[in-house]
Amino acid sequence: MISRSSLGRNARFALRRQSAALPASRRGLAAAASTPFHYETGSAAGVKTAGRDLSGPTTSLAIVSKAGSRYQLLPGLAEGLEKFAFKNTEKRSSLRITREVELLGGELFAYHSRENLIIGAKFLRDDLPYFVELLGEVAGKTKFTTHEFNEEVAQSIRFAQKHTLGSASELAVNSAHGLAFHRGLGDPISPTSSTPLAKYLSEKTIAAYGQAAYAKPNIAVVANNASQADLSKWVGEFFTELPTAAPAKLPKLESAPTKYFGGEERISHPSGNAMVIAFPGSSSFGAKGSWQPEIAVLSALLGGQSGIKWSPGFSLVSKAVADIAGASAVTTNAQYSDAGLFYTTITGTAKGVRKAGEALSKTLKSVAAGEFSKEDVSKAVASAKFKALESGMGIQNGLEATGMALISGGKAVELSEVAQSIGNVTEEQLKKAAKTLIEGKASVASVGDLYVLPWAEEIGLNV
């Protein structure tokens, strides 16, 4: 059993701090900060940082890297780099990392999205020095060993492939992104089943990708419930050895500006039915794209699922599909740094999905014609505001959104500005947004029983 006294220098320092007098923010947890939900930003050792001090006893910390599937140089590199997180480093074995984190009561996480790779930890507030050191070590000193790739990383990627293949809805969402954006944001998050892993992936290609992914201009370190001063101090100490640029032999992790295309794809699937109807949406708030608050409100107005148990909800899609047996629908407003995808996912029996698709098309056309009540709009605005604020306050969403904005040259998410912009959306803006979508090109992906599932034109959509 590893005792606390055997931890690294900074882990011991963190533990000593726990027994010392608590700082003011810990003594008065009930005292609210002057701007409790706003990030303070800065830089240390050439790395962008953002922290917000919520005066709580636990902290969430993450490195956000612009290294998601959109930017990977070969299929599967983002997934492979994620799977290598918190394995053996030059200083610590994976077993030692596990034991130390457990002794400190912390948790580790790693995942990637279409744009970002996120590695992070959740822990007691006073242990910030140890976990900043650990993340810096993972980013700069991970050992990309052959046996770990063959025995763990490659097997995990293959499992992810099988999971995606078995889910009609995931296949449909991936297909819709590919139709909408082709390359970049259109690339699947995980390698497809037809991707020959051995051709593109090895511990060497993942290690090279890691050098580019964790270069200082390509990352941001973000913390919830940590002071910006403390965060900058420890980042300045433990992130000095990261490269200041991607290796010369590798291209920069860049992607061409996103362009929307649209189209239709139909995929036969033996164990499920799903249909995704998508349109160009809004970029994320604070990034370099164009934030459109009316899209967020339109997403809430269409909806599809109720937030109140036993209630069908106020949203127009939930009302439209309420009497359709064997079908459910949910609308998503996926936001990226320079684009967005506004889509509704319909799942269920083939006949139910077909009827729900027809109902969705009619509902969107009715919104474009202004056939909605003021009360519905008020509810949609309130719902969209709540979802935006909850997402911004959330641990992982807030960390990723803020890091992405800083890396892309934008500003940290200001929740008050988000809420205000949503609150100012008018009925006329909603009508105009719906009309633009329904008159433009849709991206329609159908997965399942293709004999029953409709073509886009059969339900009145342009592709």
Protein backbone atom coordinates (compact mmCIF):
# COMPACT_ATOMS: atom_id res chain seq x y z
CA MET A 1 0.00 0.00 0.00
CA ILE A 2 1.37 3.37 -1.00
CA SER A 3 1.17 5.86 1.84
CA ARG A 4 0.61 9.55 1.39
CA SER A 5 4.17 10.18 2.51
CA SER A 6 5.39 8.40 -0.63
CA LEU A 7 3.67 10.80 -3.00
CA GLY A 8 5.59 13.32 -5.07
CA ARG A 9 6.88 16.61 -3.73
CA ASN A 10 3.84 18.58 -4.77
CA ALA A 11 1.39 15.95 -3.59
CA ARG A 12 2.99 16.22 -0.14
CA PHE A 13 2.79 19.98 -0.37
CA ALA A 14 -0.91 19.72 -1.17
CA LEU A 15 -1.48 17.40 1.77
CA ARG A 16 0.33 19.74 4.16
CA ARG A 17 -1.86 22.57 3.00
CA GLN A 18 -4.93 20.58 3.97
CA SER A 19 -3.82 20.50 7.61
CA ALA A 20 -2.94 24.20 7.65
CA ALA A 21 -5.36 27.04 8.20
CA LEU A 22 -8.03 27.20 5.52
CA PRO A 23 -7.92 30.16 3.12
CA ALA A 24 -10.67 32.72 3.30
CA SER A 25 -12.56 31.16 0.39
CA ARG A 26 -12.73 27.84 2.26
CA ARG A 27 -13.74 29.41 5.60
CA GLY A 28 -16.68 31.25 4.11
CA LEU A 29 -18.24 28.95 1.56
CA ALA A 30 -21.54 30.79 1.80
CA ALA A 31 -20.01 34.07 0.65
CA ALA A 32 -20.55 34.51 -3.06
CA ALA A 33 -17.82 35.85 -5.28
CA SER A 34 -18.41 39.18 -6.96
CA THR A 35 -18.69 37.54 -10.38
CA PRO A 36 -19.14 33.87 -9.44
CA PHE A 37 -19.75 32.41 -12.88
CA HIS A 38 -17.25 34.41 -14.92
CA TYR A 39 -13.83 33.07 -15.87
CA GLU A 40 -10.73 35.15 -15.30
CA THR A 41 -8.24 34.55 -18.09
CA GLY A 42 -4.50 34.88 -18.44
CA SER A 43 -1.43 32.94 -19.50
CA ALA A 44 1.50 31.23 -17.82
CA ALA A 45 4.56 29.62 -19.40
CA GLY A 46 3.03 30.47 -22.78
CA VAL A 47 -0.19 28.54 -22.02
CA LYS A 48 -3.63 30.17 -21.99
CA THR A 49 -5.43 29.73 -18.67
CA ALA A 50 -8.90 30.42 -17.32
CA GLY A 51 -10.21 29.95 -13.80
CA ARG A 52 -13.36 30.80 -11.92
CA ASP A 53 -13.50 30.65 -8.14
CA LEU A 54 -16.86 29.41 -6.91
CA SER A 55 -15.63 29.14 -3.31
CA GLY A 56 -16.41 25.45 -3.08
CA PRO A 57 -14.43 22.55 -1.59
CA THR A 58 -13.76 20.64 -4.84
CA THR A 59 -12.09 21.65 -8.09
CA SER A 60 -12.34 20.51 -11.72
CA LEU A 61 -9.29 20.98 -13.91
CA ALA A 62 -8.73 20.17 -17.58
CA ILE A 63 -6.36 20.60 -20.47
CA VAL A 64 -8.42 21.42 -23.56
CA SER A 65 -6.51 20.67 -26.75
CA LYS A 66 -7.57 21.55 -30.28
CA ALA A 67 -7.04 17.95 -31.30
CA GLY A 68 -10.47 16.39 -31.82
CA SER A 69 -11.45 14.31 -34.84
CA ARG A 70 -11.73 17.47 -36.97
CA TYR A 71 -7.99 18.11 -36.71
CA GLN A 72 -6.51 14.62 -36.68
CA LEU A 73 -3.94 13.95 -39.37
CA LEU A 74 -4.92 10.26 -39.74
CA PRO A 75 -8.14 8.41 -38.84
CA GLY A 76 -8.28 7.46 -35.17
CA LEU A 77 -5.43 9.59 -33.84
CA ALA A 78 -7.66 11.63 -31.53
CA GLU A 79 -9.19 8.45 -30.12
CA GLY A 80 -5.77 6.88 -29.68
CA LEU A 81 -4.34 9.90 -27.87
CA GLU A 82 -7.34 9.94 -25.55
CA LYS A 83 -6.83 6.26 -24.69
CA PHE A 84 -3.16 6.86 -23.85
CA ALA A 85 -4.02 9.52 -21.25
CA PHE A 86 -2.94 8.62 -17.69
CA LYS A 87 -0.93 5.59 -18.72
CA ASN A 88 2.81 5.32 -18.10
CA THR A 89 4.83 8.54 -18.11
CA GLU A 90 8.56 9.13 -17.75
CA LYS A 91 8.07 9.78 -14.03
CA ARG A 92 5.06 7.71 -13.00
CA SER A 93 3.70 4.31 -13.92
CA SER A 94 -0.03 3.99 -14.56
CA LEU A 95 -0.27 2.04 -11.29
CA ARG A 96 1.41 4.86 -9.37
CA ILE A 97 -0.92 7.44 -10.94
CA THR A 98 -3.90 5.33 -9.92
CA ARG A 99 -2.71 4.86 -6.34
CA GLU A 100 -1.81 8.53 -5.84
CA VAL A 101 -5.10 9.81 -7.23
CA GLU A 102 -7.04 7.34 -5.10
CA LEU A 103 -5.17 8.41 -1.95
CA LEU A 104 -6.10 12.01 -2.70
CA GLY A 105 -9.73 11.07 -3.35
CA GLY A 106 -9.65 12.39 -6.91
CA GLU A 107 -11.12 11.27 -10.21
CA LEU A 108 -9.60 11.36 -13.70
CA PHE A 109 -11.34 11.71 -17.06
CA ALA A 110 -10.43 11.85 -20.73
CA TYR A 111 -12.62 12.20 -23.81
CA HIS A 112 -12.64 13.84 -27.20
CA SER A 113 -15.26 15.60 -29.28
CA ARG A 114 -15.29 16.62 -32.91
CA GLU A 115 -13.05 19.59 -32.13
CA ASN A 116 -11.31 18.99 -28.82
CA LEU A 117 -9.42 16.50 -26.72
CA ILE A 118 -9.99 16.97 -23.00
CA ILE A 119 -7.98 15.38 -20.20
CA GLY A 120 -8.74 16.37 -16.67
CA ALA A 121 -9.34 15.64 -13.02
CA LYS A 122 -11.77 16.38 -10.19
CA PHE A 123 -10.32 16.63 -6.69
CA LEU A 124 -10.27 18.40 -3.33
CA ARG A 125 -9.46 22.07 -3.84
CA ASP A 126 -6.20 22.09 -1.88
CA ASP A 127 -4.69 19.40 -4.10
CA LEU A 128 -4.45 21.72 -7.12
CA PRO A 129 -0.60 21.66 -7.25
CA TYR A 130 -0.45 17.88 -7.57
CA PHE A 131 -3.04 17.65 -10.32
CA VAL A 132 -1.60 20.52 -12.37
CA GLU A 133 1.73 18.70 -12.22
CA LEU A 134 0.09 15.42 -13.23
CA LEU A 135 -1.71 16.91 -16.24
CA GLY A 136 1.47 18.66 -17.38
CA GLU A 137 3.28 15.35 -17.11
CA VAL A 138 0.61 13.48 -19.09
CA ALA A 139 0.74 16.12 -21.84
CA GLY A 140 4.51 16.29 -22.10
CA LYS A 141 5.97 13.02 -20.86
CA THR A 142 3.62 10.14 -21.65
CA LYS A 143 5.38 6.96 -22.78
CA PHE A 144 3.69 5.67 -25.91
CA THR A 145 4.64 2.01 -25.53
CA THR A 146 4.03 -0.76 -28.03
CA HIS A 147 2.54 -3.21 -25.53
CA GLU A 148 0.02 -0.65 -24.21
CA PHE A 149 -1.04 0.20 -27.74
CA ASN A 150 -1.54 -3.43 -28.75
CA GLU A 151 -3.10 -4.67 -25.51
CA GLU A 152 -5.21 -1.71 -24.43
CA VAL A 153 -5.47 1.24 -26.80
CA ALA A 154 -6.17 -0.64 -30.04
CA GLN A 155 -8.65 -2.93 -28.26
CA SER A 156 -10.52 0.07 -26.83
CA ILE A 157 -10.76 1.67 -30.27
CA ARG A 158 -12.15 -1.54 -31.77
CA PHE A 159 -14.73 -1.69 -28.98
CA ALA A 160 -15.78 1.89 -29.78
CA GLN A 161 -16.17 0.90 -33.43
CA LYS A 162 -18.46 -1.99 -32.52
CA HIS A 163 -20.49 0.23 -30.21
CA THR A 164 -21.08 2.75 -32.99
CA LEU A 165 -21.97 0.01 -35.46
CA GLY A 166 -24.59 -1.34 -33.08
CA SER A 167 -26.33 2.01 -32.59
CA ALA A 168 -28.61 3.18 -35.40
CA SER A 169 -28.87 6.66 -33.86
CA GLU A 170 -25.09 7.12 -33.59
CA LEU A 171 -24.63 5.99 -37.18
CA ALA A 172 -27.30 8.48 -38.27
CA VAL A 173 -25.73 11.39 -36.36
CA ASN A 174 -22.29 10.62 -37.82
CA SER A 175 -23.82 10.35 -41.28
CA ALA A 176 -25.64 13.67 -40.92
CA HIS A 177 -22.40 15.42 -39.95
CA GLY A 178 -20.64 13.90 -42.94
CA LEU A 179 -23.41 15.05 -45.28
CA ALA A 180 -23.41 18.52 -43.78
CA PHE A 181 -19.69 19.23 -43.62
CA HIS A 182 -17.87 16.47 -45.55
CA ARG A 183 -14.33 16.79 -44.14
CA GLY A 184 -13.35 18.28 -40.80
CA LEU A 185 -16.46 18.43 -38.66
CA GLY A 186 -17.91 15.77 -40.94
CA ASP A 187 -15.28 13.17 -40.04
CA PRO A 188 -16.59 10.54 -37.59
CA ILE A 189 -15.56 10.97 -33.96
CA SER A 190 -14.33 7.37 -33.81
CA PRO A 191 -12.82 5.41 -36.72
CA THR A 192 -15.41 3.63 -38.83
CA SER A 193 -15.47 -0.15 -39.11
CA SER A 194 -13.92 0.00 -42.58
CA THR A 195 -10.91 1.97 -41.34
CA PRO A 196 -7.84 -0.32 -41.34
CA LEU A 197 -6.34 0.60 -37.95
CA ALA A 198 -3.00 -1.03 -38.71
CA LYS A 199 -2.60 1.19 -41.77
CA TYR A 200 -2.86 4.48 -39.87
CA LEU A 201 -2.46 3.86 -36.14
CA SER A 202 0.52 2.82 -34.05
CA GLU A 203 2.14 4.03 -30.88
CA LYS A 204 4.52 6.07 -33.07
CA THR A 205 1.86 7.92 -35.06
CA ILE A 206 -0.10 8.65 -31.87
CA ALA A 207 3.05 9.91 -30.13
CA ALA A 208 3.77 12.26 -33.03
CA TYR A 209 0.20 13.52 -32.95
CA GLY A 210 0.56 14.10 -29.22
CA GLN A 211 3.52 16.39 -29.78
CA ALA A 212 1.40 18.59 -32.04
CA ALA A 213 -1.76 18.29 -29.94
CA TYR A 214 -0.10 19.39 -26.70
CA ALA A 215 2.00 22.21 -28.15
CA LYS A 216 1.44 25.37 -26.09
CA PRO A 217 -0.44 27.40 -28.74
CA ASN A 218 -2.83 24.46 -29.17
CA ILE A 219 -4.02 24.08 -25.57
CA ALA A 220 -5.73 25.92 -22.73
CA VAL A 221 -5.82 24.96 -19.05
CA VAL A 222 -9.20 25.65 -17.46
CA ALA A 223 -10.35 25.23 -13.87
CA ASN A 224 -13.66 25.44 -12.05
CA ASN A 225 -13.36 26.49 -8.41
CA ALA A 226 -9.74 27.60 -8.43
CA SER A 227 -8.38 31.11 -8.33
CA GLN A 228 -6.76 32.35 -11.50
CA ALA A 229 -3.69 33.38 -9.49
CA ASP A 230 -3.15 29.87 -8.11
CA LEU A 231 -3.84 28.26 -11.48
CA SER A 232 -1.34 30.51 -13.27
CA LYS A 233 1.27 29.90 -10.58
CA TRP A 234 1.24 26.13 -10.92
CA VAL A 235 0.83 26.08 -14.71
CA GLY A 236 3.83 28.38 -14.88
CA GLU A 237 5.84 25.83 -12.89
CA PHE A 238 4.74 22.56 -14.44
CA PHE A 239 4.06 23.38 -18.11
CA THR A 240 7.43 24.88 -19.01
CA GLU A 241 8.69 21.83 -20.91
CA LEU A 242 5.83 21.54 -23.38
CA PRO A 243 6.82 22.41 -26.97
CA THR A 244 6.12 25.96 -28.11
CA ALA A 245 5.10 24.73 -31.56
CA ALA A 246 4.29 21.51 -33.37
CA PRO A 247 7.37 19.61 -34.59
CA ALA A 248 8.64 20.86 -37.94
CA LYS A 249 8.07 17.44 -39.51
CA LEU A 250 4.35 17.64 -38.73
CA PRO A 251 1.78 20.01 -40.22
CA LYS A 252 -0.08 22.29 -37.84
CA LEU A 253 -3.38 20.97 -36.56
CA GLU A 254 -5.54 23.17 -38.74
CA SER A 255 -8.79 22.72 -40.61
CA ALA A 256 -10.25 24.64 -43.51
CA PRO A 257 -13.16 26.95 -42.61
CA THR A 258 -16.31 24.91 -42.33
CA LYS A 259 -18.66 24.90 -45.31
CA TYR A 260 -22.17 23.47 -45.28
CA PHE A 261 -23.17 21.09 -48.08
CA GLY A 262 -26.25 19.00 -47.27
CA GLY A 263 -27.53 15.84 -48.90
CA GLU A 264 -29.01 12.43 -48.12
CA GLU A 265 -27.63 9.04 -47.10
CA ARG A 266 -29.48 5.79 -46.39
CA ILE A 267 -27.86 2.93 -44.44
CA SER A 268 -29.43 -0.48 -43.97
CA HIS A 269 -29.30 -1.64 -40.35
CA PRO A 270 -30.67 -4.88 -38.88
CA SER A 271 -31.35 -3.86 -35.29
CA GLY A 272 -32.81 -0.39 -35.10
CA ASN A 273 -34.26 2.58 -36.96
CA ALA A 274 -33.14 6.20 -36.78
CA MET A 275 -33.54 9.29 -38.90
CA VAL A 276 -31.60 12.50 -38.42
CA ILE A 277 -32.90 15.64 -40.11
CA ALA A 278 -30.28 18.38 -39.92
CA PHE A 279 -29.76 21.97 -41.03
CA PRO A 280 -26.94 24.52 -40.64
CA GLY A 281 -26.96 25.86 -37.08
CA SER A 282 -25.15 28.32 -34.86
CA SER A 283 -21.52 28.38 -33.77
CA SER A 284 -20.70 28.42 -30.07
CA PHE A 285 -20.82 31.62 -28.05
CA GLY A 286 -17.45 33.31 -27.62
CA ALA A 287 -15.80 31.53 -30.55
CA LYS A 288 -14.85 33.06 -33.89
CA GLY A 289 -18.01 31.91 -35.65
CA SER A 290 -21.43 33.52 -35.72
CA TRP A 291 -23.48 32.96 -32.56
CA GLN A 292 -27.20 32.90 -33.33
CA PRO A 293 -29.32 32.87 -30.17
CA GLU A 294 -32.51 32.37 -32.20
CA ILE A 295 -31.27 28.89 -33.15
CA ALA A 296 -31.02 27.97 -29.48
CA VAL A 297 -34.59 29.19 -28.91
CA LEU A 298 -35.83 27.37 -32.03
CA SER A 299 -34.24 24.18 -30.74
CA ALA A 300 -36.15 24.57 -27.46
CA LEU A 301 -39.38 25.45 -29.28
CA LEU A 302 -39.20 22.30 -31.41
CA GLY A 303 -37.78 20.21 -28.56
CA GLY A 304 -39.12 16.68 -28.54
CA GLN A 305 -38.60 15.61 -24.94
CA SER A 306 -40.13 17.05 -21.80
CA GLY A 307 -38.09 18.08 -18.78
CA ILE A 308 -41.02 17.37 -16.48
CA LYS A 309 -41.87 13.79 -15.54
CA TRP A 310 -45.23 12.48 -16.77
CA SER A 311 -45.76 15.60 -18.89
CA PRO A 312 -45.57 15.56 -22.72
CA GLY A 313 -44.04 19.04 -22.59
CA PHE A 314 -44.80 22.24 -24.41
CA SER A 315 -42.47 21.74 -27.38
CA LEU A 316 -44.03 21.52 -30.81
CA VAL A 317 -42.34 18.29 -31.85
CA SER A 318 -43.35 16.51 -28.64
CA LYS A 319 -46.96 17.47 -29.35
CA ALA A 320 -46.67 16.41 -32.99
CA VAL A 321 -45.33 12.93 -32.21
CA ALA A 322 -47.31 12.32 -29.00
CA ASP A 323 -49.88 10.16 -30.78
CA ILE A 324 -47.39 8.33 -33.00
CA ALA A 325 -46.80 4.88 -31.52
CA GLY A 326 -43.24 3.61 -31.57
CA ALA A 327 -41.42 6.89 -32.17
CA SER A 328 -39.54 9.47 -30.13
CA ALA A 329 -37.73 12.62 -31.20
CA VAL A 330 -35.25 15.07 -29.70
CA THR A 331 -33.82 18.27 -31.19
CA THR A 332 -30.15 19.17 -30.70
CA ASN A 333 -28.30 22.42 -31.30
CA ALA A 334 -24.70 21.23 -31.79
CA GLN A 335 -22.32 24.21 -31.66
CA TYR A 336 -18.74 24.31 -32.90
CA SER A 337 -16.08 27.00 -33.18
CA ASP A 338 -17.07 28.21 -36.66
CA ALA A 339 -20.31 26.39 -37.46
CA GLY A 340 -23.22 24.48 -36.00
CA LEU A 341 -25.61 21.68 -36.83
CA PHE A 342 -29.27 21.96 -35.86
CA TYR A 343 -30.81 18.51 -36.00
CA THR A 344 -33.62 16.30 -34.79
CA THR A 345 -33.00 12.62 -34.10
CA ILE A 346 -36.01 10.34 -34.53
CA THR A 347 -35.87 6.74 -33.30
CA GLY A 348 -38.32 3.86 -33.02
CA THR A 349 -40.10 1.48 -35.37
CA ALA A 350 -39.66 2.13 -39.07
CA LYS A 351 -43.32 3.14 -39.46
CA GLY A 352 -43.16 5.35 -36.39
CA VAL A 353 -39.99 7.06 -37.60
CA ARG A 354 -41.59 7.69 -41.00
CA LYS A 355 -44.68 9.33 -39.47
CA ALA A 356 -42.58 11.37 -37.04
CA GLY A 357 -40.39 12.61 -39.90
CA GLU A 358 -43.48 13.81 -41.74
CA ALA A 359 -44.72 15.51 -38.57
CA LEU A 360 -41.37 17.24 -38.00
CA SER A 361 -41.32 18.65 -41.54
CA LYS A 362 -44.85 20.01 -41.14
CA THR A 363 -44.02 21.47 -37.73
CA LEU A 364 -40.96 23.33 -39.00
CA LYS A 365 -43.01 24.76 -41.87
CA SER A 366 -45.69 25.90 -39.43
CA VAL A 367 -43.07 27.75 -37.37
CA ALA A 368 -41.82 29.45 -40.55
CA ALA A 369 -45.41 30.58 -41.12
CA GLY A 370 -45.65 31.96 -37.60
CA GLU A 371 -48.09 29.34 -36.36
CA PHE A 372 -47.08 29.34 -32.70
CA SER A 373 -48.33 31.10 -29.59
CA LYS A 374 -46.61 33.81 -27.56
CA GLU A 375 -46.76 31.51 -24.56
CA ASP A 376 -44.86 28.81 -26.44
CA VAL A 377 -42.18 31.34 -27.37
CA SER A 378 -41.89 32.51 -23.76
CA LYS A 379 -41.45 28.92 -22.62
CA ALA A 380 -38.89 28.25 -25.34
CA VAL A 381 -36.86 31.34 -24.41
CA ALA A 382 -36.87 30.34 -20.74
CA SER A 383 -35.92 26.75 -21.60
CA ALA A 384 -33.11 27.82 -23.95
CA LYS A 385 -31.77 30.23 -21.35
CA PHE A 386 -31.79 27.55 -18.66
CA LYS A 387 -30.04 24.99 -20.88
CA ALA A 388 -27.34 27.48 -21.89
CA LEU A 389 -26.68 28.56 -18.31
CA GLU A 390 -26.74 25.01 -16.99
CA SER A 391 -24.32 23.90 -19.70
CA GLY A 392 -21.98 26.79 -18.95
CA MET A 393 -22.02 26.03 -15.25
CA GLY A 394 -21.54 22.31 -15.85
CA ILE A 395 -18.16 20.80 -15.14
CA GLN A 396 -17.17 19.33 -18.49
CA ASN A 397 -19.21 21.51 -20.85
CA GLY A 398 -17.99 24.70 -19.20
CA LEU A 399 -14.37 23.59 -19.30
CA GLU A 400 -14.45 22.55 -22.95
CA ALA A 401 -16.40 25.57 -24.21
CA THR A 402 -14.11 28.02 -22.42
CA GLY A 403 -10.93 26.26 -23.53
CA MET A 404 -12.14 26.08 -27.14
CA ALA A 405 -12.97 29.79 -27.15
CA LEU A 406 -9.52 30.74 -25.80
CA ILE A 407 -7.65 28.53 -28.27
CA SER A 408 -9.60 29.88 -31.24
CA GLY A 409 -8.82 33.46 -30.28
CA GLY A 410 -12.19 34.26 -28.75
CA LYS A 411 -13.09 35.09 -25.18
CA ALA A 412 -14.17 33.06 -22.20
CA VAL A 413 -17.85 32.31 -22.04
CA GLU A 414 -19.79 35.05 -20.23
CA LEU A 415 -23.00 33.41 -19.05
CA SER A 416 -24.75 36.72 -18.43
CA GLU A 417 -24.20 37.72 -22.07
CA VAL A 418 -25.46 34.36 -23.29
CA ALA A 419 -28.63 34.67 -21.22
CA GLN A 420 -29.23 38.25 -22.32
CA SER A 421 -28.86 37.44 -26.03
CA ILE A 422 -31.30 34.53 -25.74
CA GLY A 423 -33.76 36.66 -23.80
CA ASN A 424 -33.78 39.24 -26.62
CA VAL A 425 -34.89 36.76 -29.32
CA THR A 426 -38.12 37.86 -31.01
CA GLU A 427 -40.94 35.96 -32.70
CA GLU A 428 -39.91 37.44 -36.03
CA GLN A 429 -36.38 36.08 -35.62
CA LEU A 430 -37.80 32.61 -34.98
CA LYS A 431 -39.98 32.74 -38.09
CA LYS A 432 -37.07 33.92 -40.21
CA ALA A 433 -34.73 31.25 -38.86
CA ALA A 434 -37.25 28.45 -39.47
CA LYS A 435 -37.97 29.71 -42.98
CA THR A 436 -34.27 29.83 -43.82
CA LEU A 437 -33.83 26.25 -42.67
CA ILE A 438 -36.85 24.72 -44.38
CA GLU A 439 -36.15 26.49 -47.68
CA GLY A 440 -32.47 25.52 -47.66
CA LYS A 441 -30.76 22.17 -48.10
CA ALA A 442 -31.23 19.62 -45.36
CA SER A 443 -28.85 16.82 -44.36
CA VAL A 444 -30.95 13.69 -43.95
CA ALA A 445 -29.54 10.39 -42.71
CA SER A 446 -31.78 7.33 -42.49
CA VAL A 447 -30.59 4.12 -40.82
CA GLY A 448 -32.62 0.92 -40.50
CA ASP A 449 -35.39 -0.60 -42.60
CA LEU A 450 -34.94 1.35 -45.82
CA TYR A 451 -38.04 -0.18 -47.38
CA VAL A 452 -40.19 1.76 -44.90
CA LEU A 453 -38.07 4.77 -43.96
CA PRO A 454 -38.89 7.73 -46.23
CA TRP A 455 -36.71 9.61 -48.67
CA ALA A 456 -36.28 13.28 -47.80
CA GLU A 457 -38.39 14.52 -50.69
CA GLU A 458 -41.25 12.28 -49.60
CA ILE A 459 -41.64 14.31 -46.41
CA GLY A 460 -41.15 17.69 -48.10
CA LEU A 461 -37.45 18.37 -47.51
CA ASN A 462 -34.90 19.78 -49.92
CA VAL A 463 -31.57 17.99 -50.16
